Protein backbone atom coordinates (compact mmCIF):
# COMPACT_ATOMS: atom_id res chain seq x y z
CA UNK A 1 14.23 -8.14 -42.43
CA UNK A 2 11.93 -10.94 -43.08
CA UNK A 3 9.29 -11.63 -40.19
CA UNK A 4 10.10 -8.31 -38.32
CA UNK A 5 6.69 -6.94 -38.85
CA UNK A 6 5.25 -9.83 -37.45
CA UNK A 7 7.49 -9.91 -34.62
CA UNK A 8 6.72 -6.32 -33.88
CA UNK A 9 3.12 -6.80 -34.19
CA UNK A 10 2.74 -9.87 -31.93
CA UNK A 11 5.71 -10.02 -29.43
CA UNK A 12 6.27 -6.28 -28.72
CA UNK A 13 3.96 -4.06 -27.22
CA UNK A 14 3.54 -0.53 -28.32
CA UNK A 15 5.83 2.09 -26.59
CA UNK A 16 8.19 -0.38 -25.24
CA UNK A 17 11.02 0.33 -27.65
CA UNK A 18 12.11 3.57 -26.10
CA UNK A 19 11.49 2.42 -22.41
CA UNK A 20 14.20 1.95 -19.86
CA UNK A 21 17.94 2.64 -19.99
CA UNK A 22 19.96 0.51 -22.34
CA UNK A 23 23.51 -0.61 -21.22
CA UNK A 24 24.97 -1.99 -17.96
CA UNK A 25 22.89 -2.20 -14.92
CA UNK A 26 24.43 -0.07 -12.27
CA UNK A 27 22.90 -2.21 -9.46
CA UNK A 28 24.18 -5.42 -10.90
CA UNK A 29 27.65 -4.02 -11.39
CA UNK A 30 27.39 -3.10 -7.58
CA UNK A 31 26.53 -6.52 -6.42
CA UNK A 32 29.13 -8.04 -8.64
CA UNK A 33 31.70 -5.81 -7.18
CA UNK A 34 30.64 -6.61 -3.72
CA UNK A 35 30.93 -10.22 -4.35
CA UNK A 36 34.28 -9.80 -6.01
CA UNK A 37 35.70 -8.26 -3.10
CA UNK A 38 34.36 -10.60 -0.64
CA UNK A 39 35.91 -13.35 -2.85
CA UNK A 40 39.18 -11.42 -2.73
CA UNK A 41 39.15 -11.03 1.17
CA UNK A 42 37.90 -14.88 1.23
CA UNK A 43 40.83 -16.04 -0.58
CA UNK A 44 43.52 -13.89 0.75
CA UNK A 45 42.35 -13.74 4.70
CA UNK A 46 40.70 -17.13 5.22
CA UNK A 47 42.48 -19.26 2.50
CA UNK A 48 46.00 -17.54 2.70
CA UNK A 49 46.43 -17.46 -1.02
CA UNK A 50 48.93 -15.09 -2.78
CA UNK A 51 48.12 -12.04 -4.69
CA UNK A 52 48.75 -13.78 -8.04
CA UNK A 53 46.56 -16.88 -7.17
CA UNK A 54 43.72 -14.59 -5.93
CA UNK A 55 44.00 -12.66 -9.34
CA UNK A 56 43.80 -15.77 -11.55
CA UNK A 57 40.80 -17.22 -9.68
CA UNK A 58 38.74 -13.92 -9.74
CA UNK A 59 39.61 -13.53 -13.45
CA UNK A 60 38.25 -17.11 -13.93
CA UNK A 61 35.16 -16.54 -11.73
CA UNK A 62 33.98 -13.28 -12.76
CA UNK A 63 35.17 -13.18 -16.40
CA UNK A 64 37.04 -9.88 -16.21
CA UNK A 65 40.62 -8.89 -16.97
CA UNK A 66 43.24 -8.75 -14.40
CA UNK A 67 43.33 -5.01 -14.68
CA UNK A 68 39.63 -4.64 -14.09
CA UNK A 69 39.66 -7.22 -11.01
CA UNK A 70 42.63 -4.86 -9.49
CA UNK A 71 40.53 -1.72 -10.23
CA UNK A 72 37.36 -3.08 -8.72
CA UNK A 73 39.15 -4.08 -5.68
CA UNK A 74 40.93 -0.78 -5.44
CA UNK A 75 37.69 1.15 -5.79
CA UNK A 76 36.00 -0.94 -2.90
CA UNK A 77 38.74 -0.77 -0.67
CA UNK A 78 36.59 0.63 2.02
CA UNK A 79 34.53 -2.54 1.81
CA UNK A 80 37.66 -4.53 2.05
CA UNK A 81 38.64 -2.79 5.13
CA UNK A 82 35.24 -3.09 6.79
CA UNK A 83 35.53 -7.12 6.11
CA UNK A 84 38.88 -7.03 7.69
CA UNK A 85 37.77 -5.09 10.74
CA UNK A 86 34.74 -7.39 11.16
CA UNK A 87 36.87 -10.69 10.43
CA UNK A 88 33.78 -12.58 9.28
CA UNK A 89 34.00 -16.50 9.17
CA UNK A 90 33.07 -18.67 6.14
CA UNK A 91 29.38 -18.94 7.49
CA UNK A 92 29.10 -15.22 6.88
CA UNK A 93 29.96 -15.79 3.06
CA UNK A 94 27.83 -18.76 2.90
CA UNK A 95 24.66 -17.01 4.12
CA UNK A 96 25.33 -13.84 1.90
CA UNK A 97 26.12 -15.85 -1.40
CA UNK A 98 24.74 -19.28 -1.03
CA UNK A 99 25.27 -20.01 -4.72
CA UNK A 100 28.98 -19.98 -4.33
CA UNK A 101 31.17 -22.51 -2.90
CA UNK A 102 33.18 -21.05 0.05
C-alpha cells in the first residue's frame, strides 16, 4: 500500500512487529469483570433493583450481551459472595472506582 514503506521506516522500530501477545488483555478483562460484579452487587443490594433492570443497565454500561453479563457474574460468584459478607457501603465503591457514578 502506498506510504507503508515510509510508515515502517519512520514510525515502527525494528523488531516491534512480533513483540507482545495480540488479542485481549487478560488483566484488563479481570479488572472489567471485577467492576461488573461490583456494579451488579451495587444495583441489587444497595439500589434494590430487580434482575431484569440490573441486566439492562450492565449491558448498556459494559457493551456486553446479556448472556455474557450473566456468565461473568456466574464465573465470579466468589467475589459476589465476598461482597455480600463484607456488606460494603457506597463509599467503598466510590474509592475503588472513582470514575463511575455510584
